[in-house]
N, C-alpha and C. Protein backbone atom coordinates (compact mmCIF):
# COMPACT_ATOMS: atom_id res chain seq x y z
N MET A 1 -24.75 2.49 10.68
CA MET A 1 -23.52 2.63 11.33
C MET A 1 -23.13 1.35 12.00
N THR A 2 -21.84 0.91 11.88
CA THR A 2 -21.43 -0.26 12.45
C THR A 2 -20.98 -0.05 13.79
N ARG A 3 -21.05 -1.13 14.64
CA ARG A 3 -20.61 -0.99 16.07
C ARG A 3 -19.16 -1.64 16.22
N ASP A 4 -18.78 -2.46 15.14
CA ASP A 4 -17.54 -3.21 15.13
C ASP A 4 -16.31 -2.13 15.07
N PRO A 5 -15.56 -2.05 16.08
CA PRO A 5 -14.30 -1.20 16.00
C PRO A 5 -13.34 -1.48 14.93
N LEU A 6 -13.14 -2.76 14.52
CA LEU A 6 -12.28 -3.11 13.54
C LEU A 6 -12.76 -2.63 12.19
N ARG A 7 -14.04 -2.72 11.90
CA ARG A 7 -14.59 -2.17 10.59
C ARG A 7 -14.43 -0.60 10.56
N LYS A 8 -14.56 -0.03 11.74
CA LYS A 8 -14.34 1.38 11.81
C LYS A 8 -12.81 1.68 11.41
N ARG A 9 -11.93 1.02 12.04
CA ARG A 9 -10.58 1.36 11.67
C ARG A 9 -10.24 1.04 10.21
N ALA A 10 -10.88 -0.09 9.65
CA ALA A 10 -10.59 -0.34 8.26
C ALA A 10 -11.08 0.79 7.41
N VAL A 11 -11.92 1.70 7.77
CA VAL A 11 -12.29 2.74 6.89
C VAL A 11 -11.05 3.75 6.69
N PHE A 12 -10.16 3.71 7.68
CA PHE A 12 -9.08 4.71 7.76
C PHE A 12 -7.77 3.98 7.19
N CYS A 13 -7.45 2.77 7.62
CA CYS A 13 -6.18 2.34 7.30
C CYS A 13 -6.28 0.75 7.01
N THR A 14 -5.06 0.21 6.53
CA THR A 14 -5.13 -1.15 6.24
C THR A 14 -5.13 -2.06 7.38
N ASP A 15 -5.62 -3.34 7.21
CA ASP A 15 -5.71 -4.27 8.21
C ASP A 15 -5.41 -5.64 7.64
N PRO A 16 -4.48 -6.41 8.24
CA PRO A 16 -4.03 -7.61 7.55
C PRO A 16 -5.19 -8.75 7.65
N ALA A 17 -5.22 -9.41 6.70
CA ALA A 17 -6.18 -10.69 6.62
C ALA A 17 -5.53 -11.74 7.68
N VAL A 18 -4.21 -11.94 7.48
CA VAL A 18 -3.47 -12.94 8.46
C VAL A 18 -2.40 -12.07 9.11
N ASP A 19 -2.39 -12.13 10.41
CA ASP A 19 -1.46 -11.20 11.23
C ASP A 19 -0.15 -11.91 11.33
N SER A 20 0.61 -11.84 10.19
CA SER A 20 1.96 -12.49 10.24
C SER A 20 2.87 -11.23 9.73
N ARG A 21 3.53 -10.55 10.69
CA ARG A 21 4.30 -9.31 10.25
C ARG A 21 5.29 -9.56 9.16
N LEU A 22 6.10 -10.68 9.29
CA LEU A 22 7.06 -10.86 8.32
C LEU A 22 6.53 -11.08 6.79
N ALA A 23 5.40 -11.97 6.77
CA ALA A 23 4.80 -12.14 5.57
C ALA A 23 4.10 -10.88 5.10
N ASN A 24 3.57 -10.05 5.96
CA ASN A 24 2.78 -8.82 5.62
C ASN A 24 3.90 -7.84 4.92
N VAL A 25 5.03 -7.77 5.58
CA VAL A 25 6.11 -6.91 5.08
C VAL A 25 6.46 -7.32 3.59
N VAL A 26 6.67 -8.70 3.49
CA VAL A 26 7.02 -9.23 2.22
C VAL A 26 6.00 -8.87 1.17
N SER A 27 4.78 -9.10 1.53
CA SER A 27 3.59 -8.84 0.55
C SER A 27 3.56 -7.39 0.20
N GLU A 28 3.68 -6.56 1.08
CA GLU A 28 3.72 -5.06 0.75
C GLU A 28 4.97 -4.75 -0.15
N ALA A 29 6.06 -5.28 0.12
CA ALA A 29 7.27 -5.03 -0.53
C ALA A 29 7.08 -5.55 -2.00
N ILE A 30 6.58 -6.73 -2.22
CA ILE A 30 6.31 -7.27 -3.60
C ILE A 30 5.37 -6.38 -4.27
N ALA A 31 4.29 -5.98 -3.75
CA ALA A 31 3.36 -5.07 -4.43
C ALA A 31 3.87 -3.68 -4.76
N THR A 32 4.73 -3.18 -3.90
CA THR A 32 5.39 -2.02 -4.23
C THR A 32 6.44 -2.09 -5.27
N VAL A 33 7.25 -3.36 -5.29
CA VAL A 33 8.18 -3.54 -6.37
C VAL A 33 7.47 -3.51 -7.71
N VAL A 34 6.41 -4.19 -7.88
CA VAL A 34 5.71 -4.27 -9.01
C VAL A 34 5.11 -2.92 -9.39
N LEU A 35 4.58 -2.14 -8.47
CA LEU A 35 4.11 -0.74 -8.87
C LEU A 35 5.18 0.12 -9.21
N VAL A 36 6.42 0.19 -8.49
CA VAL A 36 7.40 1.14 -8.74
C VAL A 36 8.15 0.77 -10.14
N PHE A 37 8.36 -0.49 -10.23
CA PHE A 37 8.97 -1.05 -11.49
C PHE A 37 8.26 -0.80 -12.77
N ALA A 38 6.86 -1.11 -12.65
CA ALA A 38 5.91 -0.86 -13.80
C ALA A 38 5.82 0.62 -14.20
N ILE A 39 5.59 1.54 -13.09
CA ILE A 39 5.48 2.89 -13.34
C ILE A 39 6.79 3.46 -13.92
N GLY A 40 8.00 3.07 -13.43
CA GLY A 40 9.16 3.54 -14.14
C GLY A 40 9.37 3.09 -15.55
N SER A 41 8.83 1.85 -15.94
CA SER A 41 8.97 1.42 -17.18
C SER A 41 7.99 2.20 -18.04
N MET A 42 6.81 2.48 -17.56
CA MET A 42 5.74 3.31 -18.31
C MET A 42 6.37 4.69 -18.61
N VAL A 43 6.84 5.40 -17.61
CA VAL A 43 7.22 6.64 -17.84
C VAL A 43 8.39 6.77 -18.68
N ASN A 44 9.24 5.87 -18.69
CA ASN A 44 10.48 5.83 -19.63
C ASN A 44 10.30 5.34 -20.93
N SER A 45 9.01 4.81 -21.33
CA SER A 45 8.57 4.24 -22.60
C SER A 45 8.27 5.45 -23.52
N GLU A 46 8.81 5.25 -24.75
CA GLU A 46 8.48 6.15 -25.84
C GLU A 46 7.05 5.88 -26.53
N LEU A 47 6.45 4.73 -26.14
CA LEU A 47 5.22 4.25 -26.66
C LEU A 47 3.92 4.92 -26.00
N ILE A 48 4.24 5.29 -24.68
CA ILE A 48 3.03 5.69 -23.94
C ILE A 48 3.20 7.24 -23.84
N THR A 49 1.98 7.73 -24.16
CA THR A 49 1.86 9.25 -24.25
C THR A 49 1.44 9.74 -22.74
N ASP A 50 1.59 10.99 -22.60
CA ASP A 50 1.34 11.62 -21.28
C ASP A 50 -0.24 11.58 -21.15
N ARG A 51 -1.01 11.62 -22.09
CA ARG A 51 -2.51 11.53 -21.98
C ARG A 51 -2.99 10.25 -21.44
N VAL A 52 -2.44 9.13 -21.67
CA VAL A 52 -2.85 7.78 -21.45
C VAL A 52 -2.14 7.33 -20.03
N LEU A 53 -1.06 7.89 -19.73
CA LEU A 53 -0.35 7.40 -18.53
C LEU A 53 -1.11 7.41 -17.27
N PRO A 54 -1.87 8.44 -16.84
CA PRO A 54 -2.66 8.32 -15.73
C PRO A 54 -3.60 7.20 -15.51
N TYR A 55 -4.36 6.90 -16.85
CA TYR A 55 -5.22 5.75 -16.86
C TYR A 55 -4.38 4.39 -16.65
N LEU A 56 -3.27 4.21 -17.24
CA LEU A 56 -2.43 3.06 -17.07
C LEU A 56 -1.96 2.84 -15.68
N ILE A 57 -1.66 3.97 -15.03
CA ILE A 57 -1.18 3.86 -13.69
C ILE A 57 -2.38 3.53 -12.75
N GLY A 58 -3.55 4.14 -13.08
CA GLY A 58 -4.90 3.73 -12.32
C GLY A 58 -5.22 2.25 -12.39
N ALA A 59 -5.08 1.75 -13.61
CA ALA A 59 -5.34 0.26 -13.89
C ALA A 59 -4.28 -0.52 -13.32
N LEU A 60 -3.16 -0.07 -13.19
CA LEU A 60 -2.00 -0.78 -12.51
C LEU A 60 -2.23 -1.03 -11.16
N VAL A 61 -2.60 0.17 -10.32
CA VAL A 61 -2.82 0.07 -9.00
C VAL A 61 -4.02 -0.73 -8.69
N TRP A 62 -5.10 -0.63 -9.57
CA TRP A 62 -6.28 -1.52 -9.45
C TRP A 62 -5.87 -2.97 -9.56
N ALA A 63 -5.06 -3.28 -10.66
CA ALA A 63 -4.70 -4.66 -10.76
C ALA A 63 -3.88 -5.19 -9.61
N ILE A 64 -2.97 -4.47 -9.16
CA ILE A 64 -2.17 -4.93 -8.00
C ILE A 64 -2.98 -5.07 -6.73
N GLY A 65 -4.00 -4.15 -6.55
CA GLY A 65 -4.90 -4.27 -5.44
C GLY A 65 -5.72 -5.53 -5.57
N LEU A 66 -6.08 -5.95 -6.77
CA LEU A 66 -6.90 -7.15 -6.81
C LEU A 66 -5.98 -8.39 -6.72
N SER A 67 -4.86 -8.43 -7.17
CA SER A 67 -3.92 -9.57 -7.06
C SER A 67 -3.26 -9.72 -5.82
N LEU A 68 -2.55 -8.70 -5.44
CA LEU A 68 -1.71 -8.73 -4.22
C LEU A 68 -2.33 -8.12 -2.93
N GLY A 69 -3.48 -7.46 -2.98
CA GLY A 69 -3.99 -6.71 -1.90
C GLY A 69 -4.60 -7.48 -0.82
N GLY A 70 -4.94 -8.74 -1.04
CA GLY A 70 -5.71 -9.48 -0.05
C GLY A 70 -4.96 -9.60 1.39
N PRO A 71 -3.66 -10.15 1.45
CA PRO A 71 -3.11 -10.32 2.75
C PRO A 71 -3.05 -9.16 3.54
N THR A 72 -2.77 -7.96 3.07
CA THR A 72 -2.44 -6.79 4.03
C THR A 72 -3.44 -5.53 3.75
N GLY A 73 -4.12 -5.59 2.67
CA GLY A 73 -5.02 -4.34 2.46
C GLY A 73 -4.33 -3.53 1.49
N ASN A 74 -3.09 -3.72 1.15
CA ASN A 74 -2.46 -3.11 -0.11
C ASN A 74 -2.16 -1.67 0.19
N ALA A 75 -1.21 -1.24 1.00
CA ALA A 75 -0.87 0.17 1.18
C ALA A 75 -0.11 0.65 0.04
N MET A 76 1.03 -0.03 -0.28
CA MET A 76 1.98 0.30 -1.40
C MET A 76 2.63 1.67 -1.31
N ASN A 77 2.21 2.36 -0.22
CA ASN A 77 2.72 3.78 0.03
C ASN A 77 2.66 4.07 1.51
N PRO A 78 3.60 4.41 2.06
CA PRO A 78 3.58 4.71 3.69
C PRO A 78 2.43 5.78 4.00
N ALA A 79 2.28 6.77 3.08
CA ALA A 79 1.33 7.71 3.33
C ALA A 79 -0.10 7.14 3.30
N ARG A 80 -0.35 6.21 2.46
CA ARG A 80 -1.68 5.50 2.47
C ARG A 80 -2.09 5.00 3.68
N ASP A 81 -1.28 4.65 4.53
CA ASP A 81 -1.74 4.03 5.90
C ASP A 81 -1.42 4.91 6.96
N LEU A 82 -0.33 5.54 7.06
CA LEU A 82 0.08 6.42 8.36
C LEU A 82 -0.80 7.47 8.57
N ALA A 83 -1.07 8.48 7.60
CA ALA A 83 -1.94 9.50 7.82
C ALA A 83 -3.40 9.23 8.28
N PRO A 84 -3.92 8.24 7.56
CA PRO A 84 -5.33 7.83 7.90
C PRO A 84 -5.23 7.31 9.36
N ARG A 85 -4.17 6.43 9.75
CA ARG A 85 -4.18 5.87 11.11
C ARG A 85 -4.03 6.94 12.04
N VAL A 86 -3.30 8.04 11.82
CA VAL A 86 -3.20 9.09 12.78
C VAL A 86 -4.51 9.88 12.85
N ALA A 87 -5.26 10.02 11.74
CA ALA A 87 -6.54 10.58 11.79
C ALA A 87 -7.56 9.63 12.60
N HIS A 88 -7.50 8.39 12.49
CA HIS A 88 -8.25 7.52 13.31
C HIS A 88 -7.92 7.64 14.80
N TRP A 89 -6.69 7.71 15.04
CA TRP A 89 -6.21 7.94 16.41
C TRP A 89 -6.76 9.37 16.95
N LEU A 90 -6.71 10.41 16.24
CA LEU A 90 -7.09 11.67 16.76
C LEU A 90 -8.64 11.89 16.77
N LEU A 91 -9.30 11.48 15.80
CA LEU A 91 -10.81 11.82 15.77
C LEU A 91 -11.62 11.08 16.88
N PRO A 92 -12.60 12.04 17.27
CA PRO A 92 -13.35 11.41 18.54
C PRO A 92 -14.53 10.62 18.02
N ILE A 93 -14.22 9.39 17.54
CA ILE A 93 -15.26 8.50 16.93
C ILE A 93 -15.69 7.54 18.09
N PRO A 94 -16.93 7.47 18.32
CA PRO A 94 -17.42 6.63 19.40
C PRO A 94 -17.16 5.22 19.15
N GLY A 95 -16.63 4.45 20.09
CA GLY A 95 -16.49 3.04 19.96
C GLY A 95 -15.52 2.68 18.85
N LYS A 96 -14.47 3.39 18.57
CA LYS A 96 -13.58 3.28 17.47
C LYS A 96 -12.48 2.13 17.90
N GLY A 97 -12.15 1.86 19.02
CA GLY A 97 -11.19 0.95 19.45
C GLY A 97 -9.89 1.30 19.16
N SER A 98 -8.91 0.51 19.18
CA SER A 98 -7.32 0.68 19.03
C SER A 98 -7.15 1.15 17.61
N SER A 99 -6.04 1.90 17.45
CA SER A 99 -5.50 2.14 16.15
C SER A 99 -4.39 1.29 15.68
N ASP A 100 -4.13 0.25 16.52
CA ASP A 100 -3.21 -0.80 16.26
C ASP A 100 -1.82 -0.28 15.81
N TRP A 101 -1.28 0.49 16.68
CA TRP A 101 0.03 1.04 16.40
C TRP A 101 1.17 0.01 16.30
N GLY A 102 0.97 -1.20 16.90
CA GLY A 102 1.91 -2.22 16.78
C GLY A 102 2.05 -2.84 15.43
N TYR A 103 1.03 -2.64 14.50
CA TYR A 103 1.03 -3.06 13.21
C TYR A 103 1.48 -1.93 12.20
N ALA A 104 1.43 -0.71 12.70
CA ALA A 104 1.66 0.55 11.81
C ALA A 104 2.92 0.53 11.07
N TRP A 105 3.95 -0.18 11.68
CA TRP A 105 5.13 -0.22 11.04
C TRP A 105 5.15 -1.03 9.68
N VAL A 106 4.52 -1.94 9.63
CA VAL A 106 4.33 -2.94 8.48
C VAL A 106 4.06 -2.22 7.12
N PRO A 107 3.04 -1.41 7.05
CA PRO A 107 2.72 -0.68 5.76
C PRO A 107 3.78 0.54 5.63
N ILE A 108 4.60 0.73 6.47
CA ILE A 108 5.69 1.75 6.22
C ILE A 108 6.84 1.02 5.69
N ALA A 109 7.36 0.02 6.46
CA ALA A 109 8.46 -0.75 6.17
C ALA A 109 8.44 -1.45 4.75
N GLY A 110 7.34 -2.12 4.53
CA GLY A 110 7.22 -2.98 3.26
C GLY A 110 7.32 -2.20 2.04
N PRO A 111 6.55 -1.03 1.91
CA PRO A 111 6.71 -0.07 0.67
C PRO A 111 8.02 0.47 0.57
N LEU A 112 8.65 0.95 1.71
CA LEU A 112 10.03 1.45 1.60
C LEU A 112 11.06 0.46 1.11
N LEU A 113 10.99 -0.73 1.51
CA LEU A 113 11.79 -1.86 1.17
C LEU A 113 11.55 -2.15 -0.31
N GLY A 114 10.21 -2.35 -0.64
CA GLY A 114 9.87 -2.59 -2.00
C GLY A 114 10.39 -1.55 -2.99
N ALA A 115 10.29 -0.26 -2.58
CA ALA A 115 10.71 0.90 -3.57
C ALA A 115 12.27 0.81 -3.67
N ALA A 116 12.93 0.57 -2.68
CA ALA A 116 14.39 0.45 -2.69
C ALA A 116 14.70 -0.72 -3.69
N VAL A 117 14.11 -1.89 -3.52
CA VAL A 117 14.35 -3.06 -4.27
C VAL A 117 14.11 -2.71 -5.84
N ALA A 118 12.91 -2.14 -6.12
CA ALA A 118 12.57 -1.82 -7.37
C ALA A 118 13.59 -0.86 -8.07
N ALA A 119 13.99 0.20 -7.31
CA ALA A 119 14.98 1.05 -7.85
C ALA A 119 16.24 0.47 -8.10
N GLY A 120 16.65 -0.44 -7.25
CA GLY A 120 17.84 -1.30 -7.57
C GLY A 120 17.88 -2.17 -8.75
N LEU A 121 16.66 -2.69 -8.97
CA LEU A 121 16.34 -3.64 -10.06
C LEU A 121 16.48 -2.73 -11.30
N ARG A 122 15.78 -1.68 -11.39
CA ARG A 122 15.76 -0.83 -12.53
C ARG A 122 17.26 -0.31 -12.85
N TRP A 123 18.04 0.06 -11.76
CA TRP A 123 19.31 0.51 -11.91
C TRP A 123 20.26 -0.72 -12.59
N VAL A 124 20.12 -1.86 -12.05
CA VAL A 124 20.86 -3.01 -12.41
C VAL A 124 20.38 -3.48 -13.93
N LEU A 125 19.14 -3.51 -14.27
CA LEU A 125 18.61 -4.01 -15.52
C LEU A 125 18.72 -3.06 -16.67
N PHE A 126 18.67 -1.73 -16.34
CA PHE A 126 18.54 -0.77 -17.30
C PHE A 126 19.68 0.22 -17.17
């Protein structure tokens, strides 16, 4: 068991590699744009069957995590960070440290902004 409070929090929620809020919001938004745009394209494709779709989405999330997840930990979904952060805050974990509520808005705002941009792009392009 680690004694490092940052590693304990990292089990629950995202943590930026570089603490630049604006850059982190942009990074989360870009990852979410790619995710939402690609899933929308897969779902609307006649070439992709329902049997293969979950595997493609899983591979997509994995690829986005590998390529764009470094700066922020890659939430791409507000629920991916907020609910576990609340759990970290509530659970009586010895030596857990801060839940970093000052950063908690970044993995919420970035994915919401990215999803809106992706929806707008799909609406304009298709």
